[in-house]
Amino acid sequence: MARALTLRCGMQCGRSPALWESRLDGCARPGVSATIPGMDITLNGEHRTLPASTTLSDLLRAEGLLERRVAVEVNGHIVTRSLHGCHGLAEGDVVEIVHALGGG
């Protein structure tokens, strides 16, 4: 079920504050509120509510994985890195992100 998110600039909102703050259209003052449409997805088996216009790149940035080597699957289909910036997420999407760990 889609919902609206009411966010306050400068506040941490769950695990992904950078994503929320980046969606406040340039709001730079703490305490300024904005309401944006939201959507529910499943990320690696966990429920998440995100701004409705979230792309895979936005999600990876918010999770601290944007610069990491990751494989991303949306609804059972691999999305190549070149498409992360333009692949918009939708209500009900199931996203799996796997990243490589170094070792030796």
N, C-alpha and C. Protein backbone atom coordinates (compact mmCIF):
# COMPACT_ATOMS: atom_id res chain seq x y z
N MET A 1 0.84 -1.17 0.00
CA MET A 1 0.00 0.00 0.00
C MET A 1 0.89 1.25 0.00
N ALA A 2 0.71 2.12 -0.97
CA ALA A 2 1.48 3.36 -1.03
C ALA A 2 1.07 4.28 0.10
N ARG A 3 2.00 5.09 0.55
CA ARG A 3 1.70 6.01 1.64
C ARG A 3 2.54 7.27 1.45
N ALA A 4 2.21 8.29 2.20
CA ALA A 4 3.00 9.52 2.17
C ALA A 4 3.96 9.51 3.34
N LEU A 5 5.16 9.99 3.12
CA LEU A 5 6.15 10.10 4.18
C LEU A 5 6.27 11.57 4.57
N THR A 6 6.19 11.84 5.86
CA THR A 6 6.44 13.20 6.33
C THR A 6 7.81 13.19 6.97
N LEU A 7 8.72 13.94 6.41
CA LEU A 7 10.11 13.95 6.84
C LEU A 7 10.50 15.33 7.33
N ARG A 8 11.42 15.36 8.26
CA ARG A 8 11.94 16.62 8.75
C ARG A 8 13.41 16.69 8.39
N CYS A 9 13.78 17.71 7.67
CA CYS A 9 15.15 17.90 7.24
C CYS A 9 16.08 17.93 8.46
N GLY A 10 17.22 17.28 8.35
CA GLY A 10 18.20 17.30 9.42
C GLY A 10 18.00 16.21 10.45
N MET A 11 16.96 15.41 10.31
CA MET A 11 16.72 14.33 11.26
C MET A 11 17.09 13.00 10.61
N GLN A 12 17.55 12.06 11.40
CA GLN A 12 17.83 10.73 10.88
C GLN A 12 16.53 9.96 10.83
N CYS A 13 16.27 9.34 9.69
CA CYS A 13 15.03 8.60 9.46
C CYS A 13 15.38 7.14 9.21
N GLY A 14 15.50 6.35 10.24
CA GLY A 14 15.81 4.94 10.09
C GLY A 14 17.24 4.73 9.64
N ARG A 15 17.47 3.69 8.83
CA ARG A 15 18.82 3.33 8.40
C ARG A 15 19.33 4.15 7.23
N SER A 16 18.49 4.94 6.59
CA SER A 16 18.89 5.59 5.34
C SER A 16 18.66 7.09 5.35
N PRO A 17 19.26 7.84 6.29
CA PRO A 17 18.99 9.28 6.35
C PRO A 17 19.39 10.03 5.09
N ALA A 18 20.45 9.62 4.43
CA ALA A 18 20.90 10.35 3.24
C ALA A 18 19.84 10.30 2.15
N LEU A 19 19.18 9.17 2.00
CA LEU A 19 18.13 9.05 0.98
C LEU A 19 16.99 9.99 1.28
N TRP A 20 16.51 9.99 2.52
CA TRP A 20 15.37 10.84 2.87
C TRP A 20 15.74 12.30 2.70
N GLU A 21 16.88 12.72 3.22
CA GLU A 21 17.26 14.12 3.15
C GLU A 21 17.47 14.57 1.70
N SER A 22 17.96 13.67 0.84
CA SER A 22 18.17 14.06 -0.56
C SER A 22 16.86 14.27 -1.29
N ARG A 23 15.76 13.78 -0.75
CA ARG A 23 14.45 13.91 -1.39
C ARG A 23 13.67 15.11 -0.90
N LEU A 24 14.27 15.97 -0.10
CA LEU A 24 13.55 17.14 0.41
C LEU A 24 13.75 18.36 -0.48
N ASP A 25 14.12 18.13 -1.73
CA ASP A 25 14.23 19.19 -2.73
C ASP A 25 15.05 20.37 -2.25
N GLY A 26 16.24 20.09 -1.75
CA GLY A 26 17.15 21.15 -1.40
C GLY A 26 16.91 21.78 -0.04
N CYS A 27 16.01 21.26 0.75
CA CYS A 27 15.78 21.79 2.08
C CYS A 27 17.08 21.69 2.87
N ALA A 28 17.58 22.80 3.36
CA ALA A 28 18.85 22.80 4.07
C ALA A 28 18.71 23.18 5.53
N ARG A 29 17.51 23.50 5.97
CA ARG A 29 17.34 23.95 7.36
C ARG A 29 16.70 22.86 8.20
N PRO A 30 17.35 22.48 9.32
CA PRO A 30 16.71 21.53 10.22
C PRO A 30 15.36 22.05 10.68
N GLY A 31 14.40 21.16 10.81
CA GLY A 31 13.09 21.54 11.29
C GLY A 31 12.09 21.85 10.21
N VAL A 32 12.52 21.94 8.95
CA VAL A 32 11.60 22.20 7.85
C VAL A 32 11.01 20.87 7.41
N SER A 33 9.70 20.78 7.35
CA SER A 33 9.04 19.52 7.01
C SER A 33 8.67 19.47 5.54
N ALA A 34 8.58 18.27 5.03
CA ALA A 34 8.11 18.04 3.67
C ALA A 34 7.35 16.73 3.65
N THR A 35 6.31 16.65 2.85
CA THR A 35 5.56 15.41 2.68
C THR A 35 5.73 14.95 1.25
N ILE A 36 6.18 13.71 1.08
CA ILE A 36 6.39 13.15 -0.25
C ILE A 36 5.71 11.80 -0.32
N PRO A 37 5.30 11.37 -1.52
CA PRO A 37 4.67 10.06 -1.65
C PRO A 37 5.66 8.96 -1.30
N GLY A 38 5.18 7.90 -0.68
CA GLY A 38 6.04 6.78 -0.31
C GLY A 38 5.57 5.49 -0.96
N MET A 39 6.44 4.47 -0.89
CA MET A 39 6.10 3.15 -1.41
C MET A 39 6.77 2.11 -0.53
N ASP A 40 6.21 0.92 -0.51
CA ASP A 40 6.75 -0.18 0.27
C ASP A 40 7.43 -1.17 -0.67
N ILE A 41 8.66 -1.58 -0.30
CA ILE A 41 9.39 -2.61 -1.04
C ILE A 41 9.90 -3.62 -0.03
N THR A 42 10.48 -4.70 -0.54
CA THR A 42 11.19 -5.67 0.28
C THR A 42 12.64 -5.65 -0.17
N LEU A 43 13.56 -5.39 0.78
CA LEU A 43 14.99 -5.35 0.49
C LEU A 43 15.66 -6.45 1.28
N ASN A 44 16.22 -7.42 0.56
CA ASN A 44 16.90 -8.56 1.18
C ASN A 44 16.05 -9.17 2.29
N GLY A 45 14.75 -9.32 2.01
CA GLY A 45 13.84 -9.97 2.93
C GLY A 45 13.25 -9.08 4.01
N GLU A 46 13.62 -7.79 4.04
CA GLU A 46 13.11 -6.87 5.05
C GLU A 46 12.23 -5.80 4.41
N HIS A 47 11.13 -5.48 5.08
CA HIS A 47 10.21 -4.44 4.62
C HIS A 47 10.89 -3.08 4.73
N ARG A 48 10.71 -2.24 3.70
CA ARG A 48 11.21 -0.87 3.71
C ARG A 48 10.16 0.05 3.11
N THR A 49 10.05 1.26 3.63
CA THR A 49 9.23 2.31 3.02
C THR A 49 10.19 3.36 2.50
N LEU A 50 10.06 3.67 1.20
CA LEU A 50 10.97 4.60 0.52
C LEU A 50 10.17 5.68 -0.17
N PRO A 51 10.83 6.80 -0.50
CA PRO A 51 10.17 7.81 -1.34
C PRO A 51 9.79 7.19 -2.68
N ALA A 52 8.67 7.60 -3.23
CA ALA A 52 8.13 6.98 -4.44
C ALA A 52 9.04 7.11 -5.66
N SER A 53 9.89 8.09 -5.71
CA SER A 53 10.74 8.29 -6.89
C SER A 53 12.13 7.67 -6.74
N THR A 54 12.30 6.72 -5.84
CA THR A 54 13.60 6.12 -5.57
C THR A 54 14.08 5.26 -6.73
N THR A 55 15.34 5.46 -7.11
CA THR A 55 15.99 4.61 -8.11
C THR A 55 16.89 3.61 -7.39
N LEU A 56 17.40 2.64 -8.13
CA LEU A 56 18.35 1.70 -7.54
C LEU A 56 19.59 2.43 -7.03
N SER A 57 20.07 3.42 -7.77
CA SER A 57 21.23 4.19 -7.31
C SER A 57 20.94 4.89 -5.98
N ASP A 58 19.75 5.46 -5.84
CA ASP A 58 19.36 6.10 -4.58
C ASP A 58 19.41 5.10 -3.43
N LEU A 59 18.87 3.91 -3.68
CA LEU A 59 18.83 2.88 -2.65
C LEU A 59 20.24 2.43 -2.28
N LEU A 60 21.08 2.19 -3.27
CA LEU A 60 22.46 1.78 -3.01
C LEU A 60 23.22 2.86 -2.23
N ARG A 61 23.00 4.11 -2.59
CA ARG A 61 23.65 5.23 -1.88
C ARG A 61 23.21 5.24 -0.41
N ALA A 62 21.93 5.09 -0.19
CA ALA A 62 21.39 5.11 1.17
C ALA A 62 21.90 3.95 2.01
N GLU A 63 22.18 2.83 1.36
CA GLU A 63 22.68 1.65 2.07
C GLU A 63 24.20 1.65 2.17
N GLY A 64 24.86 2.68 1.63
CA GLY A 64 26.32 2.74 1.68
C GLY A 64 26.99 1.77 0.72
N LEU A 65 26.29 1.42 -0.35
CA LEU A 65 26.80 0.44 -1.31
C LEU A 65 27.01 1.00 -2.71
N LEU A 66 26.84 2.29 -2.89
CA LEU A 66 26.90 2.86 -4.24
C LEU A 66 28.25 2.62 -4.92
N GLU A 67 29.33 2.72 -4.18
CA GLU A 67 30.67 2.56 -4.77
C GLU A 67 31.18 1.12 -4.67
N ARG A 68 30.41 0.24 -4.08
CA ARG A 68 30.84 -1.15 -3.91
C ARG A 68 30.45 -1.98 -5.12
N ARG A 69 31.14 -3.10 -5.29
CA ARG A 69 30.79 -4.04 -6.35
C ARG A 69 29.63 -4.88 -5.85
N VAL A 70 28.46 -4.67 -6.45
CA VAL A 70 27.26 -5.37 -6.01
C VAL A 70 26.54 -5.97 -7.21
N ALA A 71 25.76 -6.98 -6.93
CA ALA A 71 24.82 -7.53 -7.90
C ALA A 71 23.43 -7.20 -7.36
N VAL A 72 22.57 -6.68 -8.24
CA VAL A 72 21.22 -6.28 -7.82
C VAL A 72 20.19 -7.02 -8.67
N GLU A 73 19.21 -7.56 -7.96
CA GLU A 73 18.10 -8.25 -8.61
C GLU A 73 16.81 -7.59 -8.16
N VAL A 74 15.93 -7.27 -9.12
CA VAL A 74 14.62 -6.71 -8.81
C VAL A 74 13.57 -7.64 -9.39
N ASN A 75 12.73 -8.15 -8.51
CA ASN A 75 11.65 -9.07 -8.92
C ASN A 75 12.17 -10.23 -9.76
N GLY A 76 13.34 -10.76 -9.36
CA GLY A 76 13.89 -11.94 -10.03
C GLY A 76 14.71 -11.66 -11.26
N HIS A 77 14.90 -10.39 -11.62
CA HIS A 77 15.67 -10.03 -12.82
C HIS A 77 16.90 -9.22 -12.43
N ILE A 78 18.07 -9.60 -12.95
CA ILE A 78 19.30 -8.87 -12.69
C ILE A 78 19.22 -7.51 -13.37
N VAL A 79 19.62 -6.45 -12.65
CA VAL A 79 19.69 -5.10 -13.22
C VAL A 79 21.17 -4.73 -13.28
N THR A 80 21.68 -4.51 -14.49
CA THR A 80 23.10 -4.21 -14.65
C THR A 80 23.43 -2.84 -14.07
N ARG A 81 24.70 -2.68 -13.68
CA ARG A 81 25.16 -1.42 -13.06
C ARG A 81 24.84 -0.21 -13.93
N SER A 82 24.95 -0.35 -15.23
CA SER A 82 24.71 0.79 -16.13
C SER A 82 23.26 1.28 -16.06
N LEU A 83 22.35 0.47 -15.54
CA LEU A 83 20.94 0.85 -15.46
C LEU A 83 20.50 1.26 -14.05
N HIS A 84 21.39 1.18 -13.06
CA HIS A 84 21.00 1.50 -11.68
C HIS A 84 20.44 2.92 -11.54
N GLY A 85 21.01 3.88 -12.24
CA GLY A 85 20.58 5.27 -12.12
C GLY A 85 19.22 5.56 -12.71
N CYS A 86 18.80 4.77 -13.68
CA CYS A 86 17.52 5.04 -14.34
C CYS A 86 16.46 4.00 -14.00
N HIS A 87 16.82 2.98 -13.24
CA HIS A 87 15.84 1.95 -12.88
C HIS A 87 15.08 2.41 -11.63
N GLY A 88 13.87 2.90 -11.85
CA GLY A 88 13.03 3.33 -10.73
C GLY A 88 12.38 2.14 -10.05
N LEU A 89 12.32 2.21 -8.73
CA LEU A 89 11.64 1.16 -7.98
C LEU A 89 10.16 1.46 -7.92
N ALA A 90 9.35 0.42 -7.71
CA ALA A 90 7.89 0.56 -7.69
C ALA A 90 7.33 -0.14 -6.46
N GLU A 91 6.13 0.25 -6.10
CA GLU A 91 5.41 -0.35 -4.98
C GLU A 91 5.43 -1.88 -5.10
N GLY A 92 5.84 -2.55 -4.02
CA GLY A 92 5.82 -4.00 -3.98
C GLY A 92 7.04 -4.70 -4.55
N ASP A 93 8.01 -3.94 -5.10
CA ASP A 93 9.21 -4.57 -5.65
C ASP A 93 9.94 -5.37 -4.58
N VAL A 94 10.55 -6.46 -5.03
CA VAL A 94 11.40 -7.29 -4.18
C VAL A 94 12.82 -7.12 -4.71
N VAL A 95 13.68 -6.52 -3.87
CA VAL A 95 15.06 -6.20 -4.27
C VAL A 95 16.01 -7.06 -3.45
N GLU A 96 16.96 -7.68 -4.14
CA GLU A 96 18.03 -8.43 -3.48
C GLU A 96 19.34 -7.79 -3.90
N ILE A 97 20.18 -7.46 -2.91
CA ILE A 97 21.50 -6.89 -3.18
C ILE A 97 22.54 -7.81 -2.54
N VAL A 98 23.51 -8.22 -3.35
CA VAL A 98 24.61 -9.05 -2.88
C VAL A 98 25.89 -8.31 -3.17
N HIS A 99 26.77 -8.19 -2.17
CA HIS A 99 28.05 -7.55 -2.43
C HIS A 99 29.18 -8.50 -2.05
N ALA A 100 30.29 -8.37 -2.77
CA ALA A 100 31.44 -9.24 -2.57
C ALA A 100 32.22 -8.80 -1.34
N LEU A 101 32.70 -9.77 -0.59
CA LEU A 101 33.56 -9.50 0.55
C LEU A 101 34.95 -10.00 0.22
N GLY A 102 35.95 -9.17 0.52
CA GLY A 102 37.33 -9.56 0.26
C GLY A 102 37.86 -10.48 1.34
N GLY A 103 38.87 -11.18 1.02
CA GLY A 103 39.48 -12.09 2.00
C GLY A 103 40.64 -12.79 1.35
N GLY A 104 41.28 -13.60 2.13
CA GLY A 104 42.40 -14.29 1.51
C GLY A 104 42.96 -15.38 2.33
